[in-house]
């Protein structure tokens, strides 16, 4: 009988853990993008764009679009 109680307890703990993980996965912040003012020329490497954007006060940057422009990113 004790074994059944242990399995039931473990099942309840597993369900609580799974529900908490699902709730945490649903919380996502929006990412705002703004064209970089300091990056000039075509953007071929996200790393270079991100470095310039960090100097502009953003959290990162990505090369975007057909024209390969550098856009700075931050959570908003």
C-alpha atoms as a PDB file:
ATOM      1  CA  UNK A   1       0.000   0.000   0.000  1.00  0.00           C
ATOM      2  CA  UNK A   2       2.877   2.386   0.759  1.00  0.00           C
ATOM      3  CA  UNK A   3       4.264   1.878  -2.718  1.00  0.00           C
ATOM      4  CA  UNK A   4       1.003   3.064  -4.290  1.00  0.00           C
ATOM      5  CA  UNK A   5       1.084   6.221  -2.165  1.00  0.00           C
ATOM      6  CA  UNK A   6       4.656   6.901  -3.285  1.00  0.00           C
ATOM      7  CA  UNK A   7       3.721   6.465  -6.955  1.00  0.00           C
ATOM      8  CA  UNK A   8       0.713   8.738  -6.526  1.00  0.00           C
ATOM      9  CA  UNK A   9       2.821  11.376  -4.802  1.00  0.00           C
ATOM     10  CA  UNK A  10       5.487  11.195  -7.515  1.00  0.00           C
ATOM     11  CA  UNK A  11       2.807  11.476 -10.217  1.00  0.00           C
ATOM     12  CA  UNK A  12       1.363  14.619  -8.605  1.00  0.00           C
ATOM     13  CA  UNK A  13       4.847  16.171  -8.310  1.00  0.00           C
ATOM     14  CA  UNK A  14       5.570  15.361 -11.954  1.00  0.00           C
ATOM     15  CA  UNK A  15       2.305  16.984 -13.061  1.00  0.00           C
ATOM     16  CA  UNK A  16       3.015  20.132 -11.029  1.00  0.00           C
ATOM     17  CA  UNK A  17       6.517  20.358 -12.490  1.00  0.00           C
ATOM     18  CA  UNK A  18       5.203  19.898 -16.047  1.00  0.00           C
ATOM     19  CA  UNK A  19       2.564  22.608 -15.578  1.00  0.00           C
ATOM     20  CA  UNK A  20       5.125  25.065 -14.212  1.00  0.00           C
ATOM     21  CA  UNK A  21       7.458  24.422 -17.147  1.00  0.00           C
ATOM     22  CA  UNK A  22       4.601  25.014 -19.594  1.00  0.00           C
ATOM     23  CA  UNK A  23       3.657  28.282 -17.895  1.00  0.00           C
ATOM     24  CA  UNK A  24       7.260  29.490 -17.998  1.00  0.00           C
ATOM     25  CA  UNK A  25       7.564  28.656 -21.697  1.00  0.00           C
ATOM     26  CA  UNK A  26       4.505  30.778 -22.531  1.00  0.00           C
ATOM     27  CA  UNK A  27       5.961  33.955 -21.043  1.00  0.00           C
ATOM     28  CA  UNK A  28       7.954  35.631 -23.784  1.00  0.00           C
ATOM     29  CA  UNK A  29       8.981  39.232 -24.128  1.00  0.00           C
ATOM     30  CA  UNK A  30       8.533  41.118 -27.367  1.00  0.00           C
ATOM     31  CA  UNK A  31      11.638  42.038 -29.307  1.00  0.00           C
ATOM     32  CA  UNK A  32      11.711  45.571 -30.727  1.00  0.00           C
ATOM     33  CA  UNK A  33      13.879  46.334 -33.751  1.00  0.00           C
ATOM     34  CA  UNK A  34      15.336  49.628 -34.907  1.00  0.00           C
ATOM     35  CA  UNK A  35      17.656  50.367 -37.854  1.00  0.00           C
ATOM     36  CA  UNK A  36      21.249  50.888 -36.738  1.00  0.00           C
ATOM     37  CA  UNK A  37      22.589  54.420 -37.122  1.00  0.00           C
ATOM     38  CA  UNK A  38      26.237  53.417 -36.762  1.00  0.00           C
ATOM     39  CA  UNK A  39      26.454  50.427 -39.121  1.00  0.00           C
ATOM     40  CA  UNK A  40      27.246  51.352 -42.724  1.00  0.00           C
ATOM     41  CA  UNK A  41      27.219  49.154 -45.798  1.00  0.00           C
ATOM     42  CA  UNK A  42      25.680  45.729 -46.371  1.00  0.00           C
ATOM     43  CA  UNK A  43      25.326  43.581 -43.276  1.00  0.00           C
ATOM     44  CA  UNK A  44      26.757  40.102 -43.855  1.00  0.00           C
ATOM     45  CA  UNK A  45      27.509  38.935 -40.288  1.00  0.00           C
ATOM     46  CA  UNK A  46      25.069  39.196 -37.379  1.00  0.00           C
ATOM     47  CA  UNK A  47      27.996  39.311 -34.949  1.00  0.00           C
ATOM     48  CA  UNK A  48      29.368  42.570 -36.399  1.00  0.00           C
ATOM     49  CA  UNK A  49      25.903  44.102 -36.412  1.00  0.00           C
ATOM     50  CA  UNK A  50      25.344  43.081 -32.786  1.00  0.00           C
ATOM     51  CA  UNK A  51      28.648  44.677 -31.710  1.00  0.00           C
ATOM     52  CA  UNK A  52      27.744  48.007 -33.313  1.00  0.00           C
ATOM     53  CA  UNK A  53      24.241  47.869 -31.807  1.00  0.00           C
ATOM     54  CA  UNK A  54      25.609  47.201 -28.322  1.00  0.00           C
ATOM     55  CA  UNK A  55      27.700  50.360 -28.682  1.00  0.00           C
ATOM     56  CA  UNK A  56      24.466  52.186 -29.538  1.00  0.00           C
ATOM     57  CA  UNK A  57      22.846  50.967 -26.294  1.00  0.00           C
ATOM     58  CA  UNK A  58      20.874  47.988 -27.613  1.00  0.00           C
ATOM     59  CA  UNK A  59      21.104  44.379 -26.454  1.00  0.00           C
ATOM     60  CA  UNK A  60      22.004  42.962 -29.888  1.00  0.00           C
ATOM     61  CA  UNK A  61      21.468  43.154 -33.613  1.00  0.00           C
ATOM     62  CA  UNK A  62      20.641  41.112 -36.730  1.00  0.00           C
ATOM     63  CA  UNK A  63      21.130  41.423 -40.475  1.00  0.00           C
ATOM     64  CA  UNK A  64      17.651  41.621 -42.005  1.00  0.00           C
ATOM     65  CA  UNK A  65      16.054  41.622 -45.433  1.00  0.00           C
ATOM     66  CA  UNK A  66      17.181  41.358 -49.028  1.00  0.00           C
ATOM     67  CA  UNK A  67      19.220  44.559 -48.743  1.00  0.00           C
ATOM     68  CA  UNK A  68      20.994  43.107 -45.653  1.00  0.00           C
ATOM     69  CA  UNK A  69      20.512  46.068 -43.318  1.00  0.00           C
ATOM     70  CA  UNK A  70      21.629  45.994 -39.680  1.00  0.00           C
ATOM     71  CA  UNK A  71      18.724  46.219 -37.241  1.00  0.00           C
ATOM     72  CA  UNK A  72      19.335  46.631 -33.524  1.00  0.00           C
ATOM     73  CA  UNK A  73      17.245  44.621 -31.078  1.00  0.00           C
ATOM     74  CA  UNK A  74      16.103  44.975 -27.475  1.00  0.00           C
ATOM     75  CA  UNK A  75      13.365  43.565 -25.284  1.00  0.00           C
ATOM     76  CA  UNK A  76      10.414  45.910 -25.015  1.00  0.00           C
END
